[in-house]
Amino acid sequence: MNSSGGWVYILHGDDVVARDDAVRSLKGRMRALPAGEHNLTVISEGEASVAALRAAADSLPFLADRRMVVVSGLLGKLQGVGAGSGRGARRGAKGASRSAGTADETAALLAYLHDVPFTTSIAFVEAGKVDVAPIQKAIPEGRGHVMPFPRPEGFGMTEWVRKRARTRRVDLDESAVRELAQLGADDLRRIDTEIRKLACYVADGEPVTREDVRALVVGRETLTWALLDALAARNLAQALSALRRLYLQGEEPMKLLGADVAPLYRRLLVARELGSLPRNERSSMESAFGVNPRALPKQMEQAAAFSVAEIERALELLLALDRGVKTGELEVEAALELTVAHLCSRL
């Protein structure tokens, strides 16, 4: 191996399932070496810094020839695209100081990459897309390996489902593939989990069909979307129909309240506020509120049918319901139905 530096891997992209598979593969190869477990260091995003990376990478291997350091989120943090990169961090003198510190750290990392010990491999693991060009330039020729994992889009989603099914040794027919693909690319981990569940659901040797997917996966999701869309449209008949069908599937009312109904009105409140902002200000606030840009247009359209006071009143009703159930004053199923009726009225 070239003594000018160790291997440097960059694994980045929104296909978190495939990316994490690749990370596990790298770790597995390291652990398979003599004393491999003792020479594998994992640095989480919260702990990621150039100093932490250097301290781990410069350590001599323990009773072995090689060691590996896996660090998450460092490149994104330095490039200002990581989860903690910044809401309001660049304002005033404090923001300028932080930017200067980040520039210094970036320069230190680029300088270090040329001198990574030949006994050490480094794997940078990044959520989303990062600019790999300056990193590649700093790595000695032939020592870097970039592994992009883009989010599947359009027809690519069906092929992604097929590949995951093959990986999980699950036989999906084409109708099942299309049904799972319709869940979208925003939560690939969930789809992967559902594929594993489907493998246990069907008899050995039998292909998974659309009906299997709808029975096990899409049923709850579809009904929940129907409930939330009906609430946003103030359509009482459709809301109660979806709610009662969820009850029949064994859905817990308090889980629906906390995980689905209350978050709907919080999203509508945020969308209502964002809708009042100029477009240039809105885009900068989306990440601060944790808003999915793809879902925002629909949320803004739904929120436009409510005043801020109405949304706040809806949240008050849900809080009162939660309190009443927890104190034993209300019977949960009937109380949630009554609250749904109130939510579908003019608040």
Protein backbone atom coordinates (compact mmCIF):
# COMPACT_ATOMS: atom_id res chain seq x y z
CA MET A 1 0.00 0.00 0.00
CA ASN A 2 1.26 3.48 -0.86
CA SER A 3 2.94 4.98 2.21
CA SER A 4 1.70 8.47 1.31
CA GLY A 5 -1.63 7.77 2.97
CA GLY A 6 -4.29 5.28 4.01
CA TRP A 7 -7.58 4.59 2.26
CA VAL A 8 -10.20 7.32 2.57
CA TYR A 9 -13.84 6.45 1.82
CA ILE A 10 -16.61 9.00 1.38
CA LEU A 11 -20.11 7.52 1.62
CA HIS A 12 -22.78 10.15 1.08
CA GLY A 13 -26.37 10.52 -0.10
CA ASP A 14 -30.03 10.25 0.88
CA ASP A 15 -30.38 6.51 0.22
CA VAL A 16 -29.67 5.82 3.88
CA VAL A 17 -30.47 2.11 3.57
CA ALA A 18 -27.89 1.36 0.87
CA ARG A 19 -25.40 3.73 2.48
CA ASP A 20 -25.71 2.06 5.88
CA ASP A 21 -25.36 -1.37 4.23
CA ALA A 22 -22.06 -0.22 2.75
CA VAL A 23 -20.89 1.13 6.11
CA ARG A 24 -21.74 -2.20 7.76
CA SER A 25 -19.78 -3.99 5.05
CA LEU A 26 -16.69 -1.85 5.70
CA LYS A 27 -16.97 -2.43 9.44
CA GLY A 28 -17.48 -6.15 8.88
CA ARG A 29 -14.33 -6.40 6.78
CA MET A 30 -12.41 -4.61 9.50
CA ARG A 31 -13.78 -6.82 12.26
CA ALA A 32 -12.86 -9.93 10.26
CA LEU A 33 -9.16 -9.02 10.53
CA PRO A 34 -7.09 -10.16 13.52
CA ALA A 35 -7.90 -7.87 16.48
CA GLY A 36 -10.18 -5.98 14.10
CA GLU A 37 -12.79 -5.10 16.72
CA HIS A 38 -10.08 -3.42 18.82
CA ASN A 39 -8.93 -1.35 15.87
CA LEU A 40 -12.30 0.03 14.78
CA THR A 41 -13.23 3.50 16.06
CA VAL A 42 -16.67 5.01 15.40
CA ILE A 43 -17.15 8.76 15.87
CA SER A 44 -20.78 9.95 15.95
CA GLU A 45 -21.95 13.19 14.35
CA GLY A 46 -22.27 14.88 17.73
CA GLU A 47 -18.65 14.08 18.56
CA ALA A 48 -17.24 14.64 15.07
CA SER A 49 -14.35 17.09 14.82
CA VAL A 50 -11.01 17.19 13.07
CA ALA A 51 -9.25 16.84 16.42
CA ALA A 52 -11.26 13.72 17.32
CA LEU A 53 -10.59 12.25 13.89
CA ARG A 54 -6.85 12.85 14.11
CA ALA A 55 -6.62 11.45 17.63
CA ALA A 56 -8.23 8.21 16.48
CA ALA A 57 -6.54 7.95 13.09
CA ASP A 58 -3.03 8.66 14.42
CA SER A 59 -3.22 5.88 17.02
CA LEU A 60 -1.12 2.83 16.23
CA PRO A 61 -3.04 -0.37 15.49
CA PHE A 62 -3.36 -2.72 18.47
CA LEU A 63 -1.71 -6.08 17.78
CA ALA A 64 -2.51 -5.69 14.09
CA ASP A 65 -1.38 -4.01 10.89
CA ARG A 66 -4.36 -1.76 10.30
CA ARG A 67 -7.07 0.27 11.95
CA MET A 68 -10.22 2.02 10.70
CA VAL A 69 -12.00 5.20 11.79
CA VAL A 70 -15.65 5.72 10.79
CA VAL A 71 -16.78 9.32 11.32
CA SER A 72 -20.32 10.57 10.68
CA GLY A 73 -21.37 14.06 9.65
CA LEU A 74 -17.99 15.79 9.78
CA LEU A 75 -17.85 16.89 6.13
CA GLY A 76 -21.43 18.15 6.21
CA LYS A 77 -20.72 20.04 9.41
CA LEU A 78 -17.68 21.73 7.90
CA GLN A 79 -19.54 22.54 4.67
CA GLY A 80 -22.59 23.88 6.49
CA VAL A 81 -25.01 21.18 5.34
CA GLY A 82 -25.10 18.98 8.44
CA ALA A 83 -27.94 18.70 10.91
CA GLY A 84 -26.27 21.05 13.33
CA SER A 85 -24.85 23.48 10.83
CA GLY A 86 -27.07 26.05 11.60
CA ARG A 87 -29.89 27.92 12.38
CA GLY A 88 -28.94 31.51 12.90
CA ALA A 89 -25.34 30.52 13.56
CA ARG A 90 -23.91 33.04 11.15
CA ARG A 91 -25.39 36.18 12.63
CA GLY A 92 -23.16 38.95 13.96
CA ALA A 93 -19.69 38.63 15.47
CA LYS A 94 -20.43 35.21 16.94
CA GLY A 95 -21.43 33.91 13.51
CA ALA A 96 -18.32 35.38 11.88
CA SER A 97 -16.14 33.76 14.55
CA ARG A 98 -17.82 30.40 14.01
CA SER A 99 -17.37 30.68 10.22
CA ALA A 100 -13.69 31.46 10.69
CA GLY A 101 -13.34 28.47 13.02
CA THR A 102 -15.02 26.22 10.49
CA ALA A 103 -12.69 27.47 7.75
CA ASP A 104 -9.70 26.71 9.97
CA GLU A 105 -11.01 23.21 10.68
CA THR A 106 -11.61 22.60 7.00
CA ALA A 107 -8.07 23.69 6.16
CA ALA A 108 -6.72 21.44 8.92
CA LEU A 109 -8.68 18.47 7.58
CA LEU A 110 -7.54 18.99 3.99
CA ALA A 111 -3.92 19.22 5.12
CA TYR A 112 -4.27 16.12 7.26
CA LEU A 113 -5.80 13.95 4.55
CA HIS A 114 -2.50 14.02 2.67
CA ASP A 115 -0.71 12.62 5.72
CA VAL A 116 -3.13 9.97 7.00
CA PRO A 117 -0.98 7.12 8.39
CA PHE A 118 -0.65 4.25 5.93
CA THR A 119 -1.94 1.94 8.69
CA THR A 120 -5.28 3.79 8.93
CA SER A 121 -8.38 3.86 6.76
CA ILE A 122 -11.00 6.58 7.25
CA ALA A 123 -14.66 6.36 6.26
CA PHE A 124 -16.62 9.62 6.12
CA VAL A 125 -20.35 8.89 6.37
CA GLU A 126 -22.61 11.76 5.30
CA ALA A 127 -26.37 12.23 5.15
CA GLY A 128 -27.33 14.05 1.97
CA LYS A 129 -24.98 15.30 -0.70
CA VAL A 130 -21.66 16.94 0.12
CA ASP A 131 -19.07 18.60 -2.10
CA VAL A 132 -16.48 15.86 -2.43
CA ALA A 133 -14.21 17.69 -4.91
CA PRO A 134 -11.95 19.48 -2.37
CA ILE A 135 -11.74 16.30 -0.28
CA GLN A 136 -10.75 14.19 -3.29
CA LYS A 137 -8.13 16.75 -4.29
CA ALA A 138 -6.54 16.57 -0.84
CA ILE A 139 -6.32 12.76 -0.80
CA PRO A 140 -3.21 11.26 -2.44
CA GLU A 141 -4.00 9.86 -5.87
CA GLY A 142 -5.46 6.39 -5.80
CA ARG A 143 -6.20 6.46 -2.08
CA GLY A 144 -9.75 7.89 -2.18
CA HIS A 145 -12.99 6.07 -2.90
CA VAL A 146 -16.23 8.05 -3.26
CA MET A 147 -19.48 6.09 -2.87
CA PRO A 148 -22.59 8.18 -3.69
CA PHE A 149 -26.02 6.93 -2.62
CA PRO A 150 -28.63 9.18 -4.28
CA ARG A 151 -32.27 9.11 -3.29
CA PRO A 152 -34.29 7.03 -5.78
CA GLU A 153 -36.61 9.18 -7.89
CA GLY A 154 -39.51 8.39 -10.24
CA PHE A 155 -39.20 4.95 -11.84
CA GLY A 156 -36.01 4.48 -9.86
CA MET A 157 -38.13 3.87 -6.78
CA THR A 158 -39.60 0.65 -8.18
CA GLU A 159 -36.13 -0.63 -9.06
CA TRP A 160 -34.97 0.27 -5.53
CA VAL A 161 -37.80 -1.83 -4.06
CA ARG A 162 -36.89 -4.76 -6.34
CA LYS A 163 -33.25 -4.61 -5.26
CA ARG A 164 -34.12 -4.44 -1.57
CA ALA A 165 -36.46 -7.40 -1.96
CA ARG A 166 -33.67 -9.40 -3.61
CA THR A 167 -31.29 -8.40 -0.82
CA ARG A 168 -33.84 -9.56 1.77
CA ARG A 169 -34.62 -12.72 -0.27
CA VAL A 170 -38.27 -11.71 -0.55
CA ASP A 171 -40.25 -12.59 -3.68
CA LEU A 172 -42.42 -9.59 -4.58
CA ASP A 173 -44.68 -9.71 -7.60
CA GLU A 174 -44.86 -6.56 -9.73
CA SER A 175 -48.09 -5.36 -8.15
CA ALA A 176 -46.45 -5.53 -4.70
CA VAL A 177 -43.37 -3.70 -5.99
CA ARG A 178 -45.51 -0.85 -7.33
CA GLU A 179 -47.57 -0.67 -4.13
CA LEU A 180 -44.48 -0.36 -1.95
CA ALA A 181 -42.88 2.14 -4.35
CA GLN A 182 -45.91 4.42 -3.91
CA LEU A 183 -44.91 4.93 -0.28
CA GLY A 184 -42.20 7.22 -1.67
CA ALA A 185 -38.52 7.79 -0.99
CA ASP A 186 -38.88 9.97 2.11
CA ASP A 187 -38.63 7.03 4.52
CA LEU A 188 -36.56 4.31 2.89
CA ARG A 189 -35.76 2.66 6.20
CA ARG A 190 -39.44 2.10 6.83
CA ILE A 191 -39.94 0.49 3.41
CA ASP A 192 -36.97 -1.79 4.06
CA THR A 193 -38.51 -2.77 7.40
CA GLU A 194 -41.85 -3.49 5.75
CA ILE A 195 -40.15 -5.73 3.18
CA ARG A 196 -38.65 -7.76 6.02
CA LYS A 197 -42.05 -8.00 7.72
CA LEU A 198 -43.63 -9.19 4.48
CA ALA A 199 -41.11 -12.02 4.31
CA CYS A 200 -42.55 -13.36 7.57
CA TYR A 201 -46.15 -12.69 6.56
CA VAL A 202 -46.44 -14.91 3.48
CA ALA A 203 -46.05 -18.69 3.28
CA ASP A 204 -42.67 -20.08 2.23
CA GLY A 205 -42.29 -20.04 -1.53
CA GLU A 206 -45.29 -17.80 -2.11
CA PRO A 207 -44.76 -14.40 -3.78
CA VAL A 208 -45.90 -11.27 -1.95
CA THR A 209 -48.86 -9.64 -3.71
CA ARG A 210 -50.47 -6.20 -3.69
CA GLU A 211 -53.15 -7.57 -1.37
CA ASP A 212 -50.47 -8.71 1.10
CA VAL A 213 -48.88 -5.26 1.04
CA ARG A 214 -52.21 -3.52 1.56
CA ALA A 215 -53.14 -5.86 4.40
CA LEU A 216 -49.87 -5.50 6.27
CA VAL A 217 -48.32 -2.21 5.21
CA VAL A 218 -50.43 0.24 3.30
CA GLY A 219 -53.66 -0.29 5.22
CA ARG A 220 -52.77 1.71 8.30
CA GLU A 221 -50.83 4.31 6.32
CA THR A 222 -53.58 4.87 3.78
CA LEU A 223 -56.28 5.15 6.42
CA THR A 224 -54.19 7.57 8.46
CA TRP A 225 -53.61 9.77 5.40
CA ALA A 226 -57.34 9.62 4.70
CA LEU A 227 -58.09 10.70 8.27
CA LEU A 228 -55.64 13.60 8.17
CA ASP A 229 -56.75 14.79 4.73
CA ALA A 230 -60.38 14.67 5.87
CA LEU A 231 -59.56 16.69 8.99
CA ALA A 232 -57.70 19.27 6.90
CA ALA A 233 -60.72 19.48 4.57
CA ARG A 234 -63.15 19.48 7.55
CA ASN A 235 -64.97 16.51 6.02
CA LEU A 236 -66.60 14.89 9.04
CA ALA A 237 -68.05 11.82 7.29
CA GLN A 238 -64.72 10.82 5.75
CA ALA A 239 -62.80 11.57 8.95
CA LEU A 240 -65.08 9.39 11.10
CA SER A 241 -65.05 6.60 8.51
CA ALA A 242 -61.25 6.49 8.46
CA LEU A 243 -61.06 6.77 12.25
CA ARG A 244 -63.47 3.88 12.86
CA ARG A 245 -61.67 1.67 10.34
CA LEU A 246 -58.43 2.38 12.17
CA TYR A 247 -60.14 1.33 15.40
CA LEU A 248 -61.16 -1.94 13.73
CA GLN A 249 -57.51 -2.56 12.81
CA GLY A 250 -56.60 -2.25 16.48
CA GLU A 251 -55.11 1.22 16.29
CA GLU A 252 -54.75 2.83 19.71
CA PRO A 253 -56.65 6.15 19.92
CA MET A 254 -53.98 7.85 22.03
CA LYS A 255 -51.30 6.84 19.55
CA LEU A 256 -53.36 8.37 16.75
CA LEU A 257 -53.78 11.52 18.80
CA GLY A 258 -50.12 11.96 19.66
CA ALA A 259 -48.42 10.63 16.53
CA ASP A 260 -50.80 11.78 13.80
CA VAL A 261 -53.65 14.16 14.63
CA ALA A 262 -51.85 16.67 16.88
CA PRO A 263 -48.79 16.84 14.57
CA LEU A 264 -51.15 17.61 11.65
CA TYR A 265 -52.29 20.84 13.29
CA ARG A 266 -48.76 21.76 14.31
CA ARG A 267 -47.70 21.35 10.67
CA LEU A 268 -50.65 23.46 9.54
CA LEU A 269 -49.67 26.20 11.99
CA VAL A 270 -46.10 26.24 10.68
CA ALA A 271 -47.34 26.18 7.07
CA ARG A 272 -49.71 29.08 7.82
CA GLU A 273 -46.83 31.14 9.19
CA LEU A 274 -44.49 30.22 6.32
CA GLY A 275 -47.19 31.06 3.79
CA SER A 276 -47.20 34.65 5.02
CA LEU A 277 -43.46 35.07 4.37
CA PRO A 278 -41.80 36.22 1.12
CA ARG A 279 -40.44 33.28 -0.88
CA ASN A 280 -36.77 34.14 -0.20
CA GLU A 281 -37.37 34.22 3.57
CA ARG A 282 -39.53 31.09 3.47
CA SER A 283 -36.81 28.86 2.03
CA SER A 284 -34.37 29.86 4.78
CA MET A 285 -36.96 29.10 7.47
CA GLU A 286 -37.99 25.67 6.16
CA SER A 287 -34.95 23.90 7.60
CA ALA A 288 -35.27 25.80 10.88
CA PHE A 289 -38.79 24.40 11.32
CA GLY A 290 -37.82 20.95 10.03
CA VAL A 291 -40.30 21.21 7.15
CA ASN A 292 -40.21 18.78 4.23
CA PRO A 293 -40.03 21.09 1.16
CA ARG A 294 -41.90 18.54 -0.96
CA ALA A 295 -44.82 18.38 1.46
CA LEU A 296 -44.97 22.13 2.12
CA PRO A 297 -47.10 23.18 -0.90
CA LYS A 298 -49.90 20.77 0.10
CA GLN A 299 -49.64 21.83 3.75
CA MET A 300 -49.83 25.51 2.78
CA GLU A 301 -52.88 24.82 0.64
CA GLN A 302 -54.58 23.03 3.53
CA ALA A 303 -53.54 25.67 6.06
CA ALA A 304 -55.01 28.46 3.93
CA ALA A 305 -58.48 27.18 4.85
CA PHE A 306 -57.80 27.92 8.53
CA SER A 307 -57.02 31.07 10.44
CA VAL A 308 -54.17 30.98 12.94
CA ALA A 309 -56.75 31.31 15.72
CA GLU A 310 -58.63 28.25 14.43
CA ILE A 311 -55.48 26.12 14.36
CA GLU A 312 -54.58 27.25 17.86
CA ARG A 313 -58.12 26.38 19.00
CA ALA A 314 -57.74 22.91 17.45
CA LEU A 315 -54.53 22.35 19.40
CA GLU A 316 -56.29 23.46 22.59
CA LEU A 317 -59.08 20.92 21.96
CA LEU A 318 -56.52 18.15 21.47
CA LEU A 319 -54.66 19.15 24.62
CA ALA A 320 -57.93 19.08 26.59
CA LEU A 321 -58.69 15.63 25.16
CA ASP A 322 -55.27 14.33 26.14
CA ARG A 323 -55.64 15.71 29.66
CA GLY A 324 -59.17 14.37 30.07
CA VAL A 325 -58.21 10.84 29.01
CA LYS A 326 -55.13 10.74 31.23
CA THR A 327 -57.10 11.90 34.28
CA GLY A 328 -59.83 9.33 33.63
CA GLU A 329 -62.52 11.93 32.97
CA LEU A 330 -63.07 10.84 29.34
CA GLU A 331 -63.49 7.51 27.54
CA VAL A 332 -60.88 7.70 24.82
CA GLU A 333 -62.59 6.33 21.68
CA ALA A 334 -65.82 8.28 22.11
CA ALA A 335 -63.95 11.42 23.19
CA LEU A 336 -61.69 11.30 20.13
CA GLU A 337 -64.72 10.92 17.83
CA LEU A 338 -66.38 13.92 19.50
CA THR A 339 -63.19 15.94 19.15
CA VAL A 340 -62.98 15.01 15.46
CA ALA A 341 -66.52 16.35 15.05
CA HIS A 342 -65.44 19.63 16.67
CA LEU A 343 -62.31 19.81 14.51
CA CYS A 344 -64.39 19.44 11.35
CA SER A 345 -66.64 22.34 12.36
CA ARG A 346 -65.88 26.04 12.20
CA LEU A 347 -63.62 26.49 15.22
